Amino acid sequence: MSSLLSLLTPRTYALLALATSGGMLLGALGFQYLGGLEPCQLCMIQRFPHVLILAGAIDLLLFGHARWLARMVLGGVLMLYLASVGLGIYHVGVEQGWWQNAISCSSGKTFGSLDDLMNQEIVRCDKPAWILFGITMAGYNALISAGLLVLGGLAFWGTYRKA
């Protein structure tokens, strides 16, 4: 365990977060544009924390921050992973019918005519577009984000151990 903690510096964690969140975003875009699976509104919202995580990870990698500032950036990344876990769990709950969705489902497309608008297909948040081993994309987002949250917590704690 202590060897894992010594490896989990803010910079190595930033590399892991960059690869993971970047991979998750690329995967979502691949499913959308190559696989033809249109995302629902909740799917789109779940992408925002990962975009911001990429910014924080790049910041940690490019700038040699003082320890206190690296902790603040790392803490911000952890908050974003916590938000991602929450959004993923919320979406899974909507998919499973545990609660109603507070966000109206719609397609994110713009249309040129009234006929286009009237003939649009609504992408429902409660109907998973893809499932693997009984877990939806929202579920994988929650699980992977939770794993990165735990690892990030260890990296954060490690900055205090070395002080």
N, C-alpha and C. Protein backbone atom coordinates (compact mmCIF):
# COMPACT_ATOMS: atom_id res chain seq x y z
N MET A 1 0.82 -1.20 0.00
CA MET A 1 0.00 0.00 0.00
C MET A 1 0.86 1.25 0.00
N SER A 2 1.96 1.24 0.75
CA SER A 2 2.79 2.44 0.79
C SER A 2 3.49 2.67 -0.54
N SER A 3 3.77 1.60 -1.29
CA SER A 3 4.38 1.79 -2.61
C SER A 3 3.37 2.42 -3.57
N LEU A 4 2.09 2.07 -3.43
CA LEU A 4 1.06 2.69 -4.24
C LEU A 4 0.96 4.17 -3.92
N LEU A 5 1.01 4.50 -2.64
CA LEU A 5 0.94 5.90 -2.23
C LEU A 5 2.13 6.70 -2.74
N SER A 6 3.30 6.08 -2.78
CA SER A 6 4.47 6.81 -3.27
C SER A 6 4.38 7.05 -4.78
N LEU A 7 3.67 6.18 -5.49
CA LEU A 7 3.49 6.37 -6.93
C LEU A 7 2.40 7.39 -7.25
N LEU A 8 1.45 7.56 -6.36
CA LEU A 8 0.31 8.44 -6.61
C LEU A 8 0.61 9.88 -6.20
N THR A 9 1.46 10.51 -6.96
CA THR A 9 1.70 11.94 -6.77
C THR A 9 0.64 12.70 -7.55
N PRO A 10 0.48 14.00 -7.29
CA PRO A 10 -0.48 14.75 -8.10
C PRO A 10 -0.20 14.66 -9.60
N ARG A 11 1.06 14.62 -9.99
CA ARG A 11 1.38 14.55 -11.42
C ARG A 11 1.03 13.18 -12.02
N THR A 12 1.34 12.09 -11.32
CA THR A 12 0.99 10.78 -11.87
C THR A 12 -0.52 10.58 -11.86
N TYR A 13 -1.19 11.11 -10.84
CA TYR A 13 -2.64 11.03 -10.82
C TYR A 13 -3.23 11.85 -11.96
N ALA A 14 -2.62 12.99 -12.25
CA ALA A 14 -3.08 13.82 -13.36
C ALA A 14 -2.98 13.06 -14.68
N LEU A 15 -1.90 12.30 -14.85
CA LEU A 15 -1.76 11.47 -16.06
C LEU A 15 -2.88 10.43 -16.13
N LEU A 16 -3.16 9.80 -15.00
CA LEU A 16 -4.22 8.80 -14.95
C LEU A 16 -5.58 9.43 -15.24
N ALA A 17 -5.84 10.59 -14.63
CA ALA A 17 -7.11 11.28 -14.86
C ALA A 17 -7.23 11.74 -16.31
N LEU A 18 -6.13 12.24 -16.86
CA LEU A 18 -6.14 12.67 -18.26
C LEU A 18 -6.46 11.51 -19.19
N ALA A 19 -5.81 10.38 -18.96
CA ALA A 19 -6.04 9.20 -19.81
C ALA A 19 -7.46 8.65 -19.63
N THR A 20 -7.92 8.59 -18.39
CA THR A 20 -9.23 7.99 -18.12
C THR A 20 -10.37 8.89 -18.57
N SER A 21 -10.38 10.14 -18.13
CA SER A 21 -11.46 11.04 -18.53
C SER A 21 -11.41 11.32 -20.03
N GLY A 22 -10.21 11.46 -20.56
CA GLY A 22 -10.07 11.64 -22.01
C GLY A 22 -10.59 10.43 -22.76
N GLY A 23 -10.26 9.24 -22.28
CA GLY A 23 -10.74 8.01 -22.91
C GLY A 23 -12.25 7.87 -22.82
N MET A 24 -12.81 8.27 -21.67
CA MET A 24 -14.26 8.19 -21.51
C MET A 24 -14.97 9.15 -22.46
N LEU A 25 -14.42 10.36 -22.59
CA LEU A 25 -15.02 11.33 -23.53
C LEU A 25 -14.89 10.86 -24.97
N LEU A 26 -13.71 10.34 -25.32
CA LEU A 26 -13.53 9.83 -26.69
C LEU A 26 -14.46 8.65 -26.95
N GLY A 27 -14.63 7.80 -25.94
CA GLY A 27 -15.55 6.67 -26.09
C GLY A 27 -16.98 7.14 -26.31
N ALA A 28 -17.41 8.13 -25.52
CA ALA A 28 -18.77 8.66 -25.67
C ALA A 28 -18.95 9.28 -27.05
N LEU A 29 -17.95 10.03 -27.50
CA LEU A 29 -18.05 10.63 -28.85
C LEU A 29 -18.02 9.56 -29.93
N GLY A 30 -17.25 8.50 -29.71
CA GLY A 30 -17.22 7.40 -30.67
C GLY A 30 -18.57 6.70 -30.77
N PHE A 31 -19.19 6.43 -29.60
CA PHE A 31 -20.52 5.83 -29.61
C PHE A 31 -21.51 6.73 -30.34
N GLN A 32 -21.36 8.04 -30.15
CA GLN A 32 -22.29 8.99 -30.76
C GLN A 32 -22.07 9.12 -32.26
N TYR A 33 -20.85 9.41 -32.67
CA TYR A 33 -20.60 9.74 -34.07
C TYR A 33 -20.25 8.54 -34.94
N LEU A 34 -19.63 7.52 -34.37
CA LEU A 34 -19.30 6.33 -35.17
C LEU A 34 -20.35 5.24 -35.01
N GLY A 35 -20.89 5.11 -33.78
CA GLY A 35 -21.87 4.07 -33.51
C GLY A 35 -23.31 4.49 -33.73
N GLY A 36 -23.54 5.80 -33.91
CA GLY A 36 -24.89 6.27 -34.16
C GLY A 36 -25.81 6.27 -32.96
N LEU A 37 -25.26 6.20 -31.74
CA LEU A 37 -26.09 6.23 -30.54
C LEU A 37 -26.20 7.68 -30.06
N GLU A 38 -27.36 8.26 -30.26
CA GLU A 38 -27.58 9.65 -29.85
C GLU A 38 -27.65 9.73 -28.33
N PRO A 39 -26.95 10.67 -27.72
CA PRO A 39 -26.99 10.80 -26.26
C PRO A 39 -28.25 11.54 -25.80
N CYS A 40 -28.71 11.17 -24.62
CA CYS A 40 -29.82 11.91 -24.02
C CYS A 40 -29.25 13.13 -23.29
N GLN A 41 -30.14 13.93 -22.72
CA GLN A 41 -29.69 15.13 -22.01
C GLN A 41 -28.80 14.78 -20.82
N LEU A 42 -29.14 13.74 -20.07
CA LEU A 42 -28.31 13.35 -18.93
C LEU A 42 -26.93 12.87 -19.38
N CYS A 43 -26.88 12.19 -20.51
CA CYS A 43 -25.59 11.75 -21.05
C CYS A 43 -24.71 12.96 -21.38
N MET A 44 -25.32 13.97 -21.97
CA MET A 44 -24.56 15.17 -22.31
C MET A 44 -24.06 15.88 -21.06
N ILE A 45 -24.91 15.96 -20.05
CA ILE A 45 -24.52 16.62 -18.80
C ILE A 45 -23.36 15.88 -18.13
N GLN A 46 -23.36 14.55 -18.23
CA GLN A 46 -22.30 13.76 -17.61
C GLN A 46 -20.93 14.01 -18.24
N ARG A 47 -20.88 14.58 -19.41
CA ARG A 47 -19.60 14.86 -20.07
C ARG A 47 -18.90 16.08 -19.48
N PHE A 48 -19.66 17.03 -18.95
CA PHE A 48 -19.07 18.29 -18.47
C PHE A 48 -18.00 18.12 -17.40
N PRO A 49 -18.24 17.31 -16.35
CA PRO A 49 -17.16 17.17 -15.37
C PRO A 49 -15.86 16.64 -15.98
N HIS A 50 -15.99 15.73 -16.95
CA HIS A 50 -14.78 15.16 -17.54
C HIS A 50 -14.01 16.18 -18.36
N VAL A 51 -14.70 17.09 -19.02
CA VAL A 51 -14.02 18.16 -19.75
C VAL A 51 -13.24 19.03 -18.77
N LEU A 52 -13.86 19.37 -17.65
CA LEU A 52 -13.18 20.18 -16.64
C LEU A 52 -12.06 19.42 -15.96
N ILE A 53 -12.23 18.12 -15.78
CA ILE A 53 -11.16 17.28 -15.22
C ILE A 53 -9.95 17.31 -16.13
N LEU A 54 -10.18 17.24 -17.44
CA LEU A 54 -9.06 17.33 -18.38
C LEU A 54 -8.30 18.64 -18.20
N ALA A 55 -9.02 19.73 -18.01
CA ALA A 55 -8.36 21.03 -17.80
C ALA A 55 -7.52 21.00 -16.53
N GLY A 56 -8.07 20.46 -15.44
CA GLY A 56 -7.31 20.36 -14.19
C GLY A 56 -6.11 19.46 -14.30
N ALA A 57 -6.27 18.33 -15.00
CA ALA A 57 -5.16 17.40 -15.17
C ALA A 57 -4.05 18.02 -16.01
N ILE A 58 -4.42 18.71 -17.06
CA ILE A 58 -3.41 19.38 -17.89
C ILE A 58 -2.70 20.45 -17.08
N ASP A 59 -3.44 21.18 -16.27
CA ASP A 59 -2.84 22.19 -15.40
C ASP A 59 -1.81 21.56 -14.46
N LEU A 60 -2.16 20.45 -13.83
CA LEU A 60 -1.23 19.78 -12.92
C LEU A 60 0.01 19.27 -13.64
N LEU A 61 -0.16 18.86 -14.89
CA LEU A 61 0.98 18.34 -15.64
C LEU A 61 1.90 19.43 -16.16
N LEU A 62 1.34 20.54 -16.59
CA LEU A 62 2.14 21.56 -17.25
C LEU A 62 2.81 22.56 -16.32
N PHE A 63 2.20 22.80 -15.17
CA PHE A 63 2.71 23.85 -14.30
C PHE A 63 3.22 23.26 -13.00
N GLY A 64 4.42 23.60 -12.65
CA GLY A 64 5.01 23.13 -11.39
C GLY A 64 4.50 23.94 -10.23
N HIS A 65 3.34 23.58 -9.74
CA HIS A 65 2.71 24.34 -8.66
C HIS A 65 3.41 24.09 -7.33
N ALA A 66 3.31 25.09 -6.48
CA ALA A 66 3.66 24.88 -5.08
C ALA A 66 2.70 23.82 -4.53
N ARG A 67 3.13 23.15 -3.47
CA ARG A 67 2.34 22.04 -2.93
C ARG A 67 0.91 22.46 -2.59
N TRP A 68 0.72 23.62 -2.01
CA TRP A 68 -0.62 24.06 -1.61
C TRP A 68 -1.51 24.28 -2.83
N LEU A 69 -0.93 24.80 -3.92
CA LEU A 69 -1.73 25.03 -5.12
C LEU A 69 -2.04 23.72 -5.83
N ALA A 70 -1.09 22.80 -5.84
CA ALA A 70 -1.35 21.48 -6.42
C ALA A 70 -2.47 20.78 -5.65
N ARG A 71 -2.48 20.96 -4.33
CA ARG A 71 -3.57 20.37 -3.52
C ARG A 71 -4.92 20.98 -3.90
N MET A 72 -4.94 22.28 -4.14
CA MET A 72 -6.20 22.93 -4.51
C MET A 72 -6.70 22.44 -5.86
N VAL A 73 -5.81 22.34 -6.84
CA VAL A 73 -6.21 21.86 -8.17
C VAL A 73 -6.65 20.40 -8.06
N LEU A 74 -5.88 19.60 -7.34
CA LEU A 74 -6.24 18.20 -7.15
C LEU A 74 -7.58 18.08 -6.42
N GLY A 75 -7.81 18.92 -5.44
CA GLY A 75 -9.10 18.93 -4.74
C GLY A 75 -10.24 19.27 -5.67
N GLY A 76 -10.00 20.22 -6.59
CA GLY A 76 -11.03 20.56 -7.58
C GLY A 76 -11.33 19.39 -8.49
N VAL A 77 -10.29 18.67 -8.91
CA VAL A 77 -10.49 17.49 -9.75
C VAL A 77 -11.29 16.44 -8.99
N LEU A 78 -10.99 16.27 -7.70
CA LEU A 78 -11.73 15.30 -6.89
C LEU A 78 -13.20 15.68 -6.77
N MET A 79 -13.48 16.96 -6.61
CA MET A 79 -14.88 17.42 -6.56
C MET A 79 -15.60 17.12 -7.87
N LEU A 80 -14.89 17.28 -8.98
CA LEU A 80 -15.49 16.99 -10.28
C LEU A 80 -15.76 15.49 -10.44
N TYR A 81 -14.85 14.65 -9.95
CA TYR A 81 -15.12 13.21 -9.99
C TYR A 81 -16.30 12.86 -9.08
N LEU A 82 -16.41 13.53 -7.94
CA LEU A 82 -17.56 13.30 -7.07
C LEU A 82 -18.86 13.68 -7.78
N ALA A 83 -18.84 14.81 -8.49
CA ALA A 83 -20.01 15.22 -9.27
C ALA A 83 -20.32 14.20 -10.36
N SER A 84 -19.29 13.66 -10.99
CA SER A 84 -19.48 12.66 -12.04
C SER A 84 -20.10 11.39 -11.48
N VAL A 85 -19.66 10.98 -10.30
CA VAL A 85 -20.25 9.80 -9.64
C VAL A 85 -21.73 10.07 -9.36
N GLY A 86 -22.03 11.25 -8.82
CA GLY A 86 -23.41 11.59 -8.51
C GLY A 86 -24.29 11.62 -9.75
N LEU A 87 -23.79 12.23 -10.82
CA LEU A 87 -24.56 12.29 -12.06
C LEU A 87 -24.78 10.89 -12.64
N GLY A 88 -23.75 10.05 -12.57
CA GLY A 88 -23.88 8.68 -13.08
C GLY A 88 -24.90 7.88 -12.29
N ILE A 89 -24.85 8.00 -10.96
CA ILE A 89 -25.82 7.29 -10.12
C ILE A 89 -27.23 7.82 -10.37
N TYR A 90 -27.35 9.12 -10.50
CA TYR A 90 -28.66 9.70 -10.79
C TYR A 90 -29.21 9.14 -12.11
N HIS A 91 -28.37 9.09 -13.15
CA HIS A 91 -28.82 8.60 -14.44
C HIS A 91 -29.19 7.11 -14.36
N VAL A 92 -28.41 6.34 -13.65
CA VAL A 92 -28.75 4.92 -13.47
C VAL A 92 -30.10 4.79 -12.77
N GLY A 93 -30.34 5.64 -11.77
CA GLY A 93 -31.63 5.61 -11.08
C GLY A 93 -32.79 5.93 -12.01
N VAL A 94 -32.58 6.87 -12.91
CA VAL A 94 -33.61 7.19 -13.90
C VAL A 94 -33.81 5.99 -14.83
N GLU A 95 -32.71 5.40 -15.29
CA GLU A 95 -32.81 4.24 -16.19
C GLU A 95 -33.52 3.07 -15.53
N GLN A 96 -33.29 2.86 -14.24
CA GLN A 96 -33.89 1.74 -13.52
C GLN A 96 -35.29 2.03 -12.99
N GLY A 97 -35.74 3.28 -13.14
CA GLY A 97 -37.06 3.64 -12.65
C GLY A 97 -37.11 3.86 -11.15
N TRP A 98 -35.96 4.08 -10.51
CA TRP A 98 -35.93 4.32 -9.07
C TRP A 98 -36.51 5.69 -8.74
N TRP A 99 -36.37 6.65 -9.67
CA TRP A 99 -36.93 7.98 -9.50
C TRP A 99 -37.18 8.58 -10.87
N GLN A 100 -37.97 9.63 -10.89
CA GLN A 100 -38.29 10.33 -12.13
C GLN A 100 -37.16 11.29 -12.48
N ASN A 101 -36.98 11.50 -13.76
CA ASN A 101 -35.97 12.44 -14.22
C ASN A 101 -36.49 13.87 -14.05
N ALA A 102 -35.69 14.72 -13.45
CA ALA A 102 -36.08 16.12 -13.27
C ALA A 102 -35.78 16.96 -14.50
N ILE A 103 -35.03 16.38 -15.45
CA ILE A 103 -34.66 17.09 -16.68
C ILE A 103 -35.50 16.53 -17.81
N SER A 104 -36.08 17.41 -18.61
CA SER A 104 -36.89 16.92 -19.72
C SER A 104 -35.99 16.33 -20.80
N CYS A 105 -36.43 15.23 -21.36
CA CYS A 105 -35.67 14.59 -22.43
C CYS A 105 -35.94 15.32 -23.74
N SER A 106 -34.91 15.48 -24.51
CA SER A 106 -35.06 16.09 -25.84
C SER A 106 -33.87 15.68 -26.66
N SER A 107 -33.95 15.93 -27.92
CA SER A 107 -32.77 15.74 -28.74
C SER A 107 -32.03 17.05 -28.73
N GLY A 108 -30.74 17.00 -28.79
CA GLY A 108 -29.94 18.22 -28.75
C GLY A 108 -29.73 18.82 -30.12
N LYS A 109 -30.49 18.37 -31.09
CA LYS A 109 -30.30 18.82 -32.47
C LYS A 109 -31.06 20.11 -32.74
N THR A 110 -30.57 20.85 -33.71
CA THR A 110 -31.30 22.01 -34.21
C THR A 110 -31.93 21.62 -35.54
N PHE A 111 -33.04 22.24 -35.85
CA PHE A 111 -33.79 21.85 -37.03
C PHE A 111 -34.05 23.06 -37.90
N GLY A 112 -34.14 22.81 -39.21
CA GLY A 112 -34.34 23.90 -40.15
C GLY A 112 -35.80 24.19 -40.45
N SER A 113 -36.67 23.22 -40.26
CA SER A 113 -38.07 23.45 -40.62
C SER A 113 -38.99 22.90 -39.53
N LEU A 114 -40.24 23.28 -39.61
CA LEU A 114 -41.21 22.78 -38.65
C LEU A 114 -41.40 21.27 -38.81
N ASP A 115 -41.34 20.78 -40.05
CA ASP A 115 -41.45 19.33 -40.28
C ASP A 115 -40.31 18.59 -39.59
N ASP A 116 -39.10 19.12 -39.70
CA ASP A 116 -37.96 18.50 -39.01
C ASP A 116 -38.21 18.46 -37.51
N LEU A 117 -38.70 19.56 -36.97
CA LEU A 117 -38.96 19.64 -35.54
C LEU A 117 -40.03 18.63 -35.12
N MET A 118 -41.07 18.53 -35.89
CA MET A 118 -42.18 17.63 -35.55
C MET A 118 -41.80 16.16 -35.71
N ASN A 119 -40.83 15.86 -36.56
CA ASN A 119 -40.45 14.47 -36.81
C ASN A 119 -39.21 14.03 -36.05
N GLN A 120 -38.76 14.86 -35.13
CA GLN A 120 -37.56 14.48 -34.38
C GLN A 120 -37.84 13.30 -33.46
N GLU A 121 -36.83 12.51 -33.23
CA GLU A 121 -36.94 11.40 -32.30
C GLU A 121 -36.39 11.85 -30.96
N ILE A 122 -37.18 11.68 -29.92
CA ILE A 122 -36.76 12.07 -28.58
C ILE A 122 -35.86 10.96 -28.04
N VAL A 123 -34.69 11.34 -27.56
CA VAL A 123 -33.78 10.39 -26.94
C VAL A 123 -34.13 10.37 -25.46
N ARG A 124 -34.65 9.25 -25.02
CA ARG A 124 -35.15 9.15 -23.65
C ARG A 124 -34.01 8.82 -22.68
N CYS A 125 -34.03 9.50 -21.56
CA CYS A 125 -33.01 9.28 -20.53
C CYS A 125 -33.23 7.99 -19.76
N ASP A 126 -34.45 7.47 -19.79
CA ASP A 126 -34.76 6.26 -19.03
C ASP A 126 -34.63 4.98 -19.86
N LYS A 127 -34.16 5.09 -21.08
CA LYS A 127 -33.97 3.93 -21.95
C LYS A 127 -32.49 3.85 -22.34
N PRO A 128 -31.72 2.96 -21.69
CA PRO A 128 -30.30 2.86 -22.00
C PRO A 128 -30.06 2.49 -23.46
N ALA A 129 -29.12 3.17 -24.08
CA ALA A 129 -28.80 2.90 -25.48
C ALA A 129 -27.80 1.75 -25.61
N TRP A 130 -27.08 1.45 -24.53
CA TRP A 130 -26.00 0.45 -24.59
C TRP A 130 -25.82 -0.15 -23.21
N ILE A 131 -25.71 -1.47 -23.17
CA ILE A 131 -25.52 -2.19 -21.91
C ILE A 131 -24.46 -3.27 -22.14
N LEU A 132 -23.52 -3.39 -21.22
CA LEU A 132 -22.50 -4.45 -21.26
C LEU A 132 -22.43 -5.07 -19.87
N PHE A 133 -22.62 -6.38 -19.79
CA PHE A 133 -22.61 -7.12 -18.53
C PHE A 133 -23.64 -6.56 -17.55
N GLY A 134 -24.76 -6.09 -18.07
CA GLY A 134 -25.83 -5.56 -17.24
C GLY A 134 -25.59 -4.16 -16.72
N ILE A 135 -24.54 -3.50 -17.19
CA ILE A 135 -24.22 -2.15 -16.74
C ILE A 135 -24.31 -1.20 -17.92
N THR A 136 -25.01 -0.09 -17.72
CA THR A 136 -25.18 0.90 -18.78
C THR A 136 -23.97 1.83 -18.81
N MET A 137 -23.93 2.69 -19.83
CA MET A 137 -22.85 3.67 -19.91
C MET A 137 -22.84 4.58 -18.69
N ALA A 138 -24.01 4.96 -18.21
CA ALA A 138 -24.08 5.79 -17.01
C ALA A 138 -23.50 5.05 -15.81
N GLY A 139 -23.77 3.76 -15.73
CA GLY A 139 -23.22 2.95 -14.65
C GLY A 139 -21.71 2.86 -14.72
N TYR A 140 -21.19 2.66 -15.92
CA TYR A 140 -19.73 2.63 -16.08
C TYR A 140 -19.12 3.98 -15.73
N ASN A 141 -19.79 5.06 -16.10
CA ASN A 141 -19.29 6.38 -15.74
C ASN A 141 -19.20 6.51 -14.22
N ALA A 142 -20.24 6.08 -13.52
CA ALA A 142 -20.24 6.17 -12.06
C ALA A 142 -19.14 5.31 -11.45
N LEU A 143 -19.00 4.08 -11.93
CA LEU A 143 -17.99 3.17 -11.38
C LEU A 143 -16.56 3.65 -11.64
N ILE A 144 -16.29 4.04 -12.86
CA ILE A 144 -14.94 4.50 -13.19
C ILE A 144 -14.62 5.80 -12.46
N SER A 145 -15.57 6.70 -12.40
CA SER A 145 -15.36 7.95 -11.68
C SER A 145 -15.15 7.70 -10.19
N ALA A 146 -15.86 6.74 -9.62
CA ALA A 146 -15.67 6.40 -8.21
C ALA A 146 -14.26 5.85 -7.98
N GLY A 147 -13.78 5.02 -8.88
CA GLY A 147 -12.41 4.51 -8.77
C GLY A 147 -11.38 5.62 -8.83
N LEU A 148 -11.58 6.58 -9.74
CA LEU A 148 -10.65 7.70 -9.85
C LEU A 148 -10.78 8.63 -8.64
N LEU A 149 -11.96 8.71 -8.07
CA LEU A 149 -12.14 9.51 -6.86
C LEU A 149 -11.35 8.91 -5.70
N VAL A 150 -11.40 7.60 -5.54
CA VAL A 150 -10.65 6.93 -4.48
C VAL A 150 -9.14 7.11 -4.70
N LEU A 151 -8.68 6.85 -5.92
CA LEU A 151 -7.25 7.01 -6.20
C LEU A 151 -6.80 8.45 -6.01
N GLY A 152 -7.64 9.39 -6.42
CA GLY A 152 -7.32 10.80 -6.22
C GLY A 152 -7.27 11.17 -4.75
N GLY A 153 -8.16 10.58 -3.96
CA GLY A 153 -8.12 10.81 -2.52
C GLY A 153 -6.82 10.32 -1.92
N LEU A 154 -6.33 9.18 -2.40
CA LEU A 154 -5.04 8.67 -1.94
C LEU A 154 -3.90 9.59 -2.36
N ALA A 155 -3.96 10.11 -3.58
CA ALA A 155 -2.93 11.05 -4.04
C ALA A 155 -2.98 12.32 -3.22
N PHE A 156 -4.18 12.79 -2.92
CA PHE A 156 -4.34 14.00 -2.11
C PHE A 156 -3.77 13.78 -0.70
N TRP A 157 -4.11 12.64 -0.10
CA TRP A 157 -3.61 12.32 1.22
C TRP A 157 -2.08 12.20 1.20
N GLY A 158 -1.54 11.65 0.13
CA GLY A 158 -0.10 11.52 0.01
C GLY A 158 0.64 12.85 0.01
N THR A 159 0.00 13.92 -0.44
CA THR A 159 0.66 15.22 -0.40
C THR A 159 0.82 15.72 1.03
N TYR A 160 -0.03 15.28 1.92
CA TYR A 160 0.09 15.66 3.33
C TYR A 160 1.07 14.76 4.06
N ARG A 161 1.15 13.50 3.66
CA ARG A 161 2.09 12.57 4.30
C ARG A 161 3.53 13.00 4.08
N LYS A 162 3.82 13.57 2.91
CA LYS A 162 5.19 13.94 2.56
C LYS A 162 5.57 15.31 3.09
N ALA A 163 4.59 16.04 3.64
CA ALA A 163 4.87 17.41 4.10
C ALA A 163 5.78 17.43 5.30
